[in-house]
Amino acid sequence: MSQSVTSPCKRVFSTLLIFAALTSTAQAASVNEYRLAAGDQIRVQVFQNPDLALDTRVGESGFISYPLIGKVKVGGLPLESAETLVAAALKKGGYVQQPQVNISLLQVRGNQASVLGQVNRPGRFPLETTTTSATDLLAQAGGVAPGGADTMVLTGMRDGKPFRSEIDLPALYRVSGQGAVPDAPVMMPGDVLYVDRAPVYYIYGEAQRPGAFRIERGMTVQQALAQGGGPTPRGTEWRLSINRKGADGKMIQLNPALSDLVQADDVIYVRESLF
């Protein structure tokens, strides 16, 4: 009787031990694969040299300042490679003959990017893989909000230089179809993805629904008028005017054709019919 009870318990206990070992191994592998990035808080320790222990932050350019050896670029390196780099510098300077360096992560801040502007959940998000794309991060932020534009601006640093790219979402998906989006830029730690408000135009006068409306791509004056419900019985589509801001910032008044394209912040006035 006791044997039949003890045996299953042993099996369960053995399974738990194996699971714990596998979990520990997976966590260790994850830490070893992690690459240091700007903002990360780390602790550097040298075996039998407590005076060389240091808690520091990886700078925006990827460097840390370390006693005796000065600036060391650890950004972009796995922990093991960063340890080797610091150890080599200590040995080369003659400060420690056989340095054993250990670097541990205190706080991971660098492996994140921000999504701001007209999205449903703006904020900072972790880059779960080294190939996280701009569209992956946009999905984490809940997608573009109803008032958002269909373009995004990506800013960050590449090779130590400021980087800026405008991403045309409809063009990306038109090219790549229903599957993945291979042309979407890959996000890097510290990047900022910004979605601006969609451009709008305004319509007033003898329009059925005066107000502000989103400008769709390639929208003509006739389409803009239709979105405003068209002219009232007293209005006419043949006597329209547009107030538009010129290159010098001053407002100019135009008499557009129905086939002309609408521009951001145009103000369309629908006049009364003469007859």
C-alpha atoms as a PDB file:
ATOM      1  CA  MET A   1       0.000   0.000   0.000  1.00  0.00           C
ATOM      2  CA  SER A   2       2.747   2.440   1.016  1.00  0.00           C
ATOM      3  CA  GLN A   3       4.713   1.626  -2.141  1.00  0.00           C
ATOM      4  CA  SER A   4       1.760   2.534  -4.417  1.00  0.00           C
ATOM      5  CA  VAL A   5       1.409   5.935  -2.674  1.00  0.00           C
ATOM      6  CA  THR A   6       5.127   6.747  -2.490  1.00  0.00           C
ATOM      7  CA  SER A   7       5.894   5.965  -6.131  1.00  0.00           C
ATOM      8  CA  PRO A   8       3.549   8.597  -7.661  1.00  0.00           C
ATOM      9  CA  CYS A   9       4.848  11.162  -5.149  1.00  0.00           C
ATOM     10  CA  LYS A  10       8.401  10.438  -6.229  1.00  0.00           C
ATOM     11  CA  ARG A  11       7.411  10.875  -9.871  1.00  0.00           C
ATOM     12  CA  VAL A  12       5.730  14.234  -9.159  1.00  0.00           C
ATOM     13  CA  PHE A  13       8.729  15.423  -7.131  1.00  0.00           C
ATOM     14  CA  SER A  14      11.126  14.372  -9.912  1.00  0.00           C
ATOM     15  CA  THR A  15       8.992  16.211 -12.487  1.00  0.00           C
ATOM     16  CA  LEU A  16       9.074  19.393 -10.388  1.00  0.00           C
ATOM     17  CA  LEU A  17      12.858  19.184 -10.078  1.00  0.00           C
ATOM     18  CA  ILE A  18      13.238  18.781 -13.845  1.00  0.00           C
ATOM     19  CA  PHE A  19      10.854  21.694 -14.494  1.00  0.00           C
ATOM     20  CA  ALA A  20      12.758  23.928 -12.066  1.00  0.00           C
ATOM     21  CA  ALA A  21      16.050  22.998 -13.711  1.00  0.00           C
ATOM     22  CA  LEU A  22      14.685  23.704 -17.189  1.00  0.00           C
ATOM     23  CA  THR A  23      13.214  27.054 -16.053  1.00  0.00           C
ATOM     24  CA  SER A  24      16.511  28.062 -14.467  1.00  0.00           C
ATOM     25  CA  THR A  25      18.385  27.096 -17.629  1.00  0.00           C
ATOM     26  CA  ALA A  26      15.963  29.046 -19.815  1.00  0.00           C
ATOM     27  CA  GLN A  27      16.297  32.149 -17.628  1.00  0.00           C
ATOM     28  CA  ALA A  28      20.086  31.896 -17.676  1.00  0.00           C
ATOM     29  CA  ALA A  29      20.055  31.558 -21.460  1.00  0.00           C
ATOM     30  CA  SER A  30      17.767  34.585 -21.733  1.00  0.00           C
ATOM     31  CA  VAL A  31      20.114  36.712 -19.598  1.00  0.00           C
ATOM     32  CA  ASN A  32      23.164  35.547 -21.515  1.00  0.00           C
ATOM     33  CA  GLU A  33      21.541  36.438 -24.839  1.00  0.00           C
ATOM     34  CA  TYR A  34      20.474  39.897 -23.679  1.00  0.00           C
ATOM     35  CA  ARG A  35      22.461  42.774 -25.174  1.00  0.00           C
ATOM     36  CA  LEU A  36      23.115  45.808 -23.014  1.00  0.00           C
ATOM     37  CA  ALA A  37      21.445  49.024 -24.111  1.00  0.00           C
ATOM     38  CA  ALA A  38      21.257  52.682 -23.117  1.00  0.00           C
ATOM     39  CA  GLY A  39      19.508  53.164 -19.783  1.00  0.00           C
ATOM     40  CA  ASP A  40      20.312  49.727 -18.352  1.00  0.00           C
ATOM     41  CA  GLN A  41      21.485  49.721 -14.721  1.00  0.00           C
ATOM     42  CA  ILE A  42      24.335  47.250 -14.188  1.00  0.00           C
ATOM     43  CA  ARG A  43      26.684  46.096 -11.413  1.00  0.00           C
ATOM     44  CA  VAL A  44      30.334  45.375 -12.255  1.00  0.00           C
ATOM     45  CA  GLN A  45      32.340  43.263  -9.808  1.00  0.00           C
ATOM     46  CA  VAL A  46      35.919  41.977  -9.943  1.00  0.00           C
ATOM     47  CA  PHE A  47      36.768  38.875  -7.926  1.00  0.00           C
ATOM     48  CA  GLN A  48      38.918  39.696  -4.853  1.00  0.00           C
ATOM     49  CA  ASN A  49      38.927  43.403  -5.792  1.00  0.00           C
ATOM     50  CA  PRO A  50      36.008  45.002  -3.903  1.00  0.00           C
ATOM     51  CA  ASP A  51      37.365  48.504  -4.610  1.00  0.00           C
ATOM     52  CA  LEU A  52      36.582  47.944  -8.293  1.00  0.00           C
ATOM     53  CA  ALA A  53      32.898  47.182  -7.701  1.00  0.00           C
ATOM     54  CA  LEU A  54      30.651  49.664  -9.492  1.00  0.00           C
ATOM     55  CA  ASP A  55      26.919  50.259  -9.956  1.00  0.00           C
ATOM     56  CA  THR A  56      26.392  52.331 -13.072  1.00  0.00           C
ATOM     57  CA  ARG A  57      24.096  53.153 -15.972  1.00  0.00           C
ATOM     58  CA  VAL A  58      24.812  52.537 -19.636  1.00  0.00           C
ATOM     59  CA  GLY A  59      24.897  55.951 -21.315  1.00  0.00           C
ATOM     60  CA  GLU A  60      22.972  57.007 -24.414  1.00  0.00           C
ATOM     61  CA  SER A  61      26.024  56.311 -26.589  1.00  0.00           C
ATOM     62  CA  GLY A  62      26.520  52.859 -25.026  1.00  0.00           C
ATOM     63  CA  PHE A  63      29.482  53.750 -22.786  1.00  0.00           C
ATOM     64  CA  ILE A  64      30.089  53.337 -19.065  1.00  0.00           C
ATOM     65  CA  SER A  65      32.812  55.102 -17.065  1.00  0.00           C
ATOM     66  CA  TYR A  66      34.838  52.565 -15.107  1.00  0.00           C
ATOM     67  CA  PRO A  67      37.584  53.220 -12.515  1.00  0.00           C
ATOM     68  CA  LEU A  68      41.171  53.097 -13.794  1.00  0.00           C
ATOM     69  CA  ILE A  69      40.304  52.278 -17.423  1.00  0.00           C
ATOM     70  CA  GLY A  70      37.916  55.147 -18.218  1.00  0.00           C
ATOM     71  CA  LYS A  71      35.150  54.840 -20.817  1.00  0.00           C
ATOM     72  CA  VAL A  72      34.177  51.379 -22.036  1.00  0.00           C
ATOM     73  CA  LYS A  73      31.592  50.785 -24.745  1.00  0.00           C
ATOM     74  CA  VAL A  74      29.358  47.940 -23.573  1.00  0.00           C
ATOM     75  CA  GLY A  75      26.176  48.945 -25.404  1.00  0.00           C
ATOM     76  CA  GLY A  76      25.053  46.260 -27.832  1.00  0.00           C
ATOM     77  CA  LEU A  77      27.176  43.565 -26.173  1.00  0.00           C
ATOM     78  CA  PRO A  78      25.962  40.430 -24.358  1.00  0.00           C
ATOM     79  CA  LEU A  79      26.912  40.364 -20.666  1.00  0.00           C
ATOM     80  CA  GLU A  80      29.662  37.799 -21.237  1.00  0.00           C
ATOM     81  CA  SER A  81      31.289  39.894 -23.966  1.00  0.00           C
ATOM     82  CA  ALA A  82      31.104  43.017 -21.785  1.00  0.00           C
ATOM     83  CA  GLU A  83      32.787  41.111 -18.945  1.00  0.00           C
ATOM     84  CA  THR A  84      35.567  39.999 -21.292  1.00  0.00           C
ATOM     85  CA  LEU A  85      36.055  43.563 -22.545  1.00  0.00           C
ATOM     86  CA  VAL A  86      36.394  45.039 -19.038  1.00  0.00           C
ATOM     87  CA  ALA A  87      38.698  42.205 -17.942  1.00  0.00           C
ATOM     88  CA  ALA A  88      40.958  42.710 -20.968  1.00  0.00           C
ATOM     89  CA  ALA A  89      41.215  46.454 -20.272  1.00  0.00           C
ATOM     90  CA  LEU A  90      42.108  45.837 -16.612  1.00  0.00           C
ATOM     91  CA  LYS A  91      44.776  43.312 -17.578  1.00  0.00           C
ATOM     92  CA  LYS A  92      46.210  45.481 -20.366  1.00  0.00           C
ATOM     93  CA  GLY A  93      46.537  48.427 -17.979  1.00  0.00           C
ATOM     94  CA  GLY A  94      48.373  46.245 -15.473  1.00  0.00           C
ATOM     95  CA  TYR A  95      45.783  46.840 -12.755  1.00  0.00           C
ATOM     96  CA  VAL A  96      44.764  43.206 -12.219  1.00  0.00           C
ATOM     97  CA  GLN A  97      46.853  40.262 -13.457  1.00  0.00           C
ATOM     98  CA  GLN A  98      44.067  37.710 -13.898  1.00  0.00           C
ATOM     99  CA  PRO A  99      40.798  39.643 -13.579  1.00  0.00           C
ATOM    100  CA  GLN A 100      37.565  37.714 -13.152  1.00  0.00           C
ATOM    101  CA  VAL A 101      34.817  40.185 -14.005  1.00  0.00           C
ATOM    102  CA  ASN A 102      31.126  39.652 -13.385  1.00  0.00           C
ATOM    103  CA  ILE A 103      28.434  41.995 -14.741  1.00  0.00           C
ATOM    104  CA  SER A 104      24.854  41.643 -13.563  1.00  0.00           C
ATOM    105  CA  LEU A 105      21.708  43.457 -14.652  1.00  0.00           C
ATOM    106  CA  LEU A 106      20.076  45.523 -11.910  1.00  0.00           C
ATOM    107  CA  GLN A 107      17.374  47.128 -14.025  1.00  0.00           C
ATOM    108  CA  VAL A 108      16.545  46.692 -17.690  1.00  0.00           C
ATOM    109  CA  ARG A 109      15.484  49.976 -19.216  1.00  0.00           C
ATOM    110  CA  GLY A 110      17.346  50.086 -22.459  1.00  0.00           C
ATOM    111  CA  ASN A 111      15.535  47.280 -24.240  1.00  0.00           C
ATOM    112  CA  GLN A 112      12.400  49.355 -24.696  1.00  0.00           C
ATOM    113  CA  ALA A 113      10.920  51.730 -27.242  1.00  0.00           C
ATOM    114  CA  SER A 114       8.156  54.329 -27.030  1.00  0.00           C
ATOM    115  CA  VAL A 115       4.940  54.719 -29.023  1.00  0.00           C
ATOM    116  CA  LEU A 116       3.420  58.197 -28.755  1.00  0.00           C
ATOM    117  CA  GLY A 117       0.713  60.317 -30.326  1.00  0.00           C
ATOM    118  CA  GLN A 118      -2.569  59.111 -31.761  1.00  0.00           C
ATOM    119  CA  VAL A 119      -2.494  55.458 -30.666  1.00  0.00           C
ATOM    120  CA  ASN A 120      -4.870  53.617 -28.362  1.00  0.00           C
ATOM    121  CA  ARG A 121      -2.289  52.803 -25.641  1.00  0.00           C
ATOM    122  CA  PRO A 122       0.687  55.192 -25.790  1.00  0.00           C
ATOM    123  CA  GLY A 123       3.684  54.316 -23.623  1.00  0.00           C
ATOM    124  CA  ARG A 124       6.956  52.395 -23.421  1.00  0.00           C
ATOM    125  CA  PHE A 125       7.038  48.788 -24.580  1.00  0.00           C
ATOM    126  CA  PRO A 126       9.671  46.021 -24.370  1.00  0.00           C
ATOM    127  CA  LEU A 127      11.376  44.848 -27.531  1.00  0.00           C
ATOM    128  CA  GLU A 128      10.707  41.150 -27.100  1.00  0.00           C
ATOM    129  CA  THR A 129      13.053  40.077 -29.912  1.00  0.00           C
ATOM    130  CA  THR A 130      15.924  41.613 -31.859  1.00  0.00           C
ATOM    131  CA  THR A 131      13.664  41.714 -34.927  1.00  0.00           C
ATOM    132  CA  THR A 132      10.682  43.541 -33.404  1.00  0.00           C
ATOM    133  CA  SER A 133       9.346  45.741 -36.204  1.00  0.00           C
ATOM    134  CA  ALA A 134       7.614  49.124 -36.050  1.00  0.00           C
ATOM    135  CA  THR A 135       4.301  47.466 -36.883  1.00  0.00           C
ATOM    136  CA  ASP A 136       4.806  44.873 -34.114  1.00  0.00           C
ATOM    137  CA  LEU A 137       5.263  47.697 -31.609  1.00  0.00           C
ATOM    138  CA  LEU A 138       2.278  49.585 -33.010  1.00  0.00           C
ATOM    139  CA  ALA A 139       0.171  46.477 -32.379  1.00  0.00           C
ATOM    140  CA  GLN A 140       1.373  46.407 -28.744  1.00  0.00           C
ATOM    141  CA  ALA A 141       0.169  50.013 -28.458  1.00  0.00           C
ATOM    142  CA  GLY A 142      -3.309  48.985 -29.610  1.00  0.00           C
ATOM    143  CA  GLY A 143      -3.000  50.327 -33.150  1.00  0.00           C
ATOM    144  CA  VAL A 144      -3.725  53.765 -34.557  1.00  0.00           C
ATOM    145  CA  ALA A 145      -6.541  55.673 -32.829  1.00  0.00           C
ATOM    146  CA  PRO A 146      -9.536  56.862 -34.902  1.00  0.00           C
ATOM    147  CA  GLY A 147      -8.082  60.375 -35.208  1.00  0.00           C
ATOM    148  CA  GLY A 148      -4.609  59.190 -36.151  1.00  0.00           C
ATOM    149  CA  ALA A 149      -2.790  59.559 -39.451  1.00  0.00           C
ATOM    150  CA  ASP A 150      -1.865  56.615 -41.655  1.00  0.00           C
ATOM    151  CA  THR A 151       1.822  57.487 -41.456  1.00  0.00           C
ATOM    152  CA  MET A 152       4.241  57.088 -38.533  1.00  0.00           C
ATOM    153  CA  VAL A 153       7.538  58.807 -37.787  1.00  0.00           C
ATOM    154  CA  LEU A 154      10.336  56.679 -36.332  1.00  0.00           C
ATOM    155  CA  THR A 155      13.216  58.468 -34.596  1.00  0.00           C
ATOM    156  CA  GLY A 156      16.239  57.075 -32.786  1.00  0.00           C
ATOM    157  CA  MET A 157      19.956  56.485 -33.129  1.00  0.00           C
ATOM    158  CA  ARG A 158      21.744  54.336 -35.711  1.00  0.00           C
ATOM    159  CA  ASP A 159      25.530  53.902 -35.603  1.00  0.00           C
ATOM    160  CA  GLY A 160      25.755  56.799 -33.157  1.00  0.00           C
ATOM    161  CA  LYS A 161      23.906  59.215 -35.445  1.00  0.00           C
ATOM    162  CA  PRO A 162      20.345  60.607 -35.246  1.00  0.00           C
ATOM    163  CA  PHE A 163      17.912  58.589 -37.363  1.00  0.00           C
ATOM    164  CA  ARG A 164      14.499  59.543 -38.737  1.00  0.00           C
ATOM    165  CA  SER A 165      12.178  57.603 -41.020  1.00  0.00           C
ATOM    166  CA  GLU A 166       8.589  58.149 -42.141  1.00  0.00           C
ATOM    167  CA  ILE A 167       6.558  54.952 -42.427  1.00  0.00           C
ATOM    168  CA  ASP A 168       3.624  54.797 -44.820  1.00  0.00           C
ATOM    169  CA  LEU A 169       1.346  52.117 -43.351  1.00  0.00           C
ATOM    170  CA  PRO A 170      -1.048  51.606 -46.316  1.00  0.00           C
ATOM    171  CA  ALA A 171       1.902  51.408 -48.715  1.00  0.00           C
ATOM    172  CA  LEU A 172       3.564  48.747 -46.536  1.00  0.00           C
ATOM    173  CA  TYR A 173       0.526  46.516 -46.574  1.00  0.00           C
ATOM    174  CA  ARG A 174      -0.284  47.092 -50.221  1.00  0.00           C
ATOM    175  CA  VAL A 175       3.190  45.859 -51.119  1.00  0.00           C
ATOM    176  CA  SER A 176       3.353  42.870 -48.785  1.00  0.00           C
ATOM    177  CA  GLY A 177      -0.250  41.652 -48.963  1.00  0.00           C
ATOM    178  CA  GLN A 178      -1.944  39.775 -46.163  1.00  0.00           C
ATOM    179  CA  GLY A 179       1.101  38.200 -44.528  1.00  0.00           C
ATOM    180  CA  ALA A 180       4.007  39.648 -42.558  1.00  0.00           C
ATOM    181  CA  VAL A 181       5.372  43.092 -43.243  1.00  0.00           C
ATOM    182  CA  PRO A 182       9.013  42.503 -44.214  1.00  0.00           C
ATOM    183  CA  ASP A 183       9.681  46.122 -45.115  1.00  0.00           C
ATOM    184  CA  ALA A 184       8.657  47.548 -41.734  1.00  0.00           C
ATOM    185  CA  PRO A 185      11.751  49.012 -40.004  1.00  0.00           C
ATOM    186  CA  VAL A 186      13.216  47.041 -37.110  1.00  0.00           C
ATOM    187  CA  MET A 187      12.986  48.852 -33.772  1.00  0.00           C
ATOM    188  CA  MET A 188      16.066  49.539 -31.663  1.00  0.00           C
ATOM    189  CA  PRO A 189      16.263  50.306 -27.925  1.00  0.00           C
ATOM    190  CA  GLY A 190      15.369  53.925 -27.217  1.00  0.00           C
ATOM    191  CA  ASP A 191      13.457  54.432 -30.478  1.00  0.00           C
ATOM    192  CA  VAL A 192      10.333  56.602 -30.536  1.00  0.00           C
ATOM    193  CA  LEU A 193       7.424  55.845 -32.843  1.00  0.00           C
ATOM    194  CA  TYR A 194       5.064  58.806 -33.276  1.00  0.00           C
ATOM    195  CA  VAL A 195       1.633  58.887 -34.898  1.00  0.00           C
ATOM    196  CA  ASP A 196       0.401  62.402 -35.675  1.00  0.00           C
ATOM    197  CA  ARG A 197      -3.200  63.517 -36.028  1.00  0.00           C
ATOM    198  CA  ALA A 198      -4.774  62.832 -39.396  1.00  0.00           C
ATOM    199  CA  PRO A 199      -4.940  65.909 -41.645  1.00  0.00           C
ATOM    200  CA  VAL A 200      -8.346  67.573 -41.738  1.00  0.00           C
ATOM    201  CA  TYR A 201     -10.224  70.141 -43.786  1.00  0.00           C
ATOM    202  CA  TYR A 202     -13.122  72.374 -42.803  1.00  0.00           C
ATOM    203  CA  ILE A 203     -16.344  73.087 -44.642  1.00  0.00           C
ATOM    204  CA  TYR A 204     -18.957  75.725 -43.852  1.00  0.00           C
ATOM    205  CA  GLY A 205     -21.586  77.897 -45.469  1.00  0.00           C
ATOM    206  CA  GLU A 206     -24.408  76.222 -47.384  1.00  0.00           C
ATOM    207  CA  ALA A 207     -23.242  72.676 -46.624  1.00  0.00           C
ATOM    208  CA  GLN A 208     -25.525  69.990 -45.224  1.00  0.00           C
ATOM    209  CA  ARG A 209     -23.018  68.984 -42.503  1.00  0.00           C
ATOM    210  CA  PRO A 210     -20.547  71.814 -41.841  1.00  0.00           C
ATOM    211  CA  GLY A 211     -17.532  70.962 -39.676  1.00  0.00           C
ATOM    212  CA  ALA A 212     -14.108  69.349 -39.718  1.00  0.00           C
ATOM    213  CA  PHE A 213     -13.446  66.119 -41.671  1.00  0.00           C
ATOM    214  CA  ARG A 214     -10.522  63.789 -42.195  1.00  0.00           C
ATOM    215  CA  ILE A 215      -8.716  64.116 -45.520  1.00  0.00           C
ATOM    216  CA  GLU A 216      -8.446  60.801 -47.314  1.00  0.00           C
ATOM    217  CA  ARG A 217      -5.637  60.188 -49.776  1.00  0.00           C
ATOM    218  CA  GLY A 218      -6.198  61.795 -53.140  1.00  0.00           C
ATOM    219  CA  MET A 219      -9.394  63.476 -51.942  1.00  0.00           C
ATOM    220  CA  THR A 220     -10.823  65.970 -54.420  1.00  0.00           C
ATOM    221  CA  VAL A 221     -12.887  69.057 -53.662  1.00  0.00           C
ATOM    222  CA  GLN A 222     -15.963  67.256 -54.978  1.00  0.00           C
ATOM    223  CA  GLN A 223     -15.358  64.305 -52.630  1.00  0.00           C
ATOM    224  CA  ALA A 224     -14.798  66.692 -49.712  1.00  0.00           C
ATOM    225  CA  LEU A 225     -18.092  68.399 -50.501  1.00  0.00           C
ATOM    226  CA  ALA A 226     -19.852  65.022 -50.622  1.00  0.00           C
ATOM    227  CA  GLN A 227     -18.404  64.110 -47.202  1.00  0.00           C
ATOM    228  CA  GLY A 228     -20.015  67.274 -45.887  1.00  0.00           C
ATOM    229  CA  GLY A 229     -23.380  66.074 -47.210  1.00  0.00           C
ATOM    230  CA  GLY A 230     -23.271  68.225 -50.329  1.00  0.00           C
ATOM    231  CA  PRO A 231     -24.761  71.712 -50.666  1.00  0.00           C
ATOM    232  CA  THR A 232     -28.079  72.647 -49.081  1.00  0.00           C
ATOM    233  CA  PRO A 233     -31.042  73.458 -51.390  1.00  0.00           C
ATOM    234  CA  ARG A 234     -29.871  77.070 -51.268  1.00  0.00           C
ATOM    235  CA  GLY A 235     -26.228  76.260 -51.970  1.00  0.00           C
ATOM    236  CA  THR A 236     -24.296  75.386 -55.103  1.00  0.00           C
ATOM    237  CA  GLU A 237     -21.176  73.376 -55.824  1.00  0.00           C
ATOM    238  CA  TRP A 238     -20.220  75.736 -58.636  1.00  0.00           C
ATOM    239  CA  ARG A 239     -19.405  78.747 -56.461  1.00  0.00           C
ATOM    240  CA  LEU A 240     -16.991  77.261 -53.936  1.00  0.00           C
ATOM    241  CA  SER A 241     -14.003  79.034 -52.422  1.00  0.00           C
ATOM    242  CA  ILE A 242     -11.063  77.707 -50.414  1.00  0.00           C
ATOM    243  CA  ASN A 243      -9.049  79.597 -47.815  1.00  0.00           C
ATOM    244  CA  ARG A 244      -5.580  78.026 -47.782  1.00  0.00           C
ATOM    245  CA  LYS A 245      -2.370  78.886 -45.975  1.00  0.00           C
ATOM    246  CA  GLY A 246       0.374  79.810 -48.431  1.00  0.00           C
ATOM    247  CA  ALA A 247       4.098  79.069 -48.211  1.00  0.00           C
ATOM    248  CA  ASP A 248       4.637  82.381 -46.402  1.00  0.00           C
ATOM    249  CA  GLY A 249       2.018  81.501 -43.772  1.00  0.00           C
ATOM    250  CA  LYS A 250      -0.553  83.982 -45.068  1.00  0.00           C
ATOM    251  CA  MET A 251      -4.070  82.921 -46.029  1.00  0.00           C
ATOM    252  CA  ILE A 252      -5.001  83.037 -49.701  1.00  0.00           C
ATOM    253  CA  GLN A 253      -8.418  82.568 -51.271  1.00  0.00           C
ATOM    254  CA  LEU A 254      -8.852  80.228 -54.233  1.00  0.00           C
ATOM    255  CA  ASN A 255     -11.712  79.343 -56.564  1.00  0.00           C
ATOM    256  CA  PRO A 256     -11.089  75.609 -56.980  1.00  0.00           C
ATOM    257  CA  ALA A 257     -12.253  73.179 -59.632  1.00  0.00           C
ATOM    258  CA  LEU A 258     -14.160  70.164 -58.331  1.00  0.00           C
ATOM    259  CA  SER A 259     -11.294  67.934 -59.442  1.00  0.00           C
ATOM    260  CA  ASP A 260      -8.635  69.844 -57.448  1.00  0.00           C
ATOM    261  CA  LEU A 261      -7.062  68.061 -54.481  1.00  0.00           C
ATOM    262  CA  VAL A 262      -7.824  69.122 -50.939  1.00  0.00           C
ATOM    263  CA  GLN A 263      -4.897  70.027 -48.688  1.00  0.00           C
ATOM    264  CA  ALA A 264      -4.514  69.896 -44.914  1.00  0.00           C
ATOM    265  CA  ASP A 265      -6.343  72.701 -43.073  1.00  0.00           C
ATOM    266  CA  ASP A 266      -8.206  73.891 -46.165  1.00  0.00           C
ATOM    267  CA  VAL A 267     -11.368  75.818 -45.348  1.00  0.00           C
ATOM    268  CA  ILE A 268     -14.064  75.255 -47.986  1.00  0.00           C
ATOM    269  CA  TYR A 269     -16.889  77.777 -48.208  1.00  0.00           C
ATOM    270  CA  VAL A 270     -20.097  76.779 -49.999  1.00  0.00           C
ATOM    271  CA  ARG A 271     -21.842  79.883 -51.334  1.00  0.00           C
ATOM    272  CA  GLU A 272     -25.521  80.422 -51.998  1.00  0.00           C
ATOM    273  CA  SER A 273     -26.831  79.844 -55.483  1.00  0.00           C
ATOM    274  CA  LEU A 274     -27.551  82.964 -57.529  1.00  0.00           C
ATOM    275  CA  PHE A 275     -30.751  81.458 -58.924  1.00  0.00           C
END
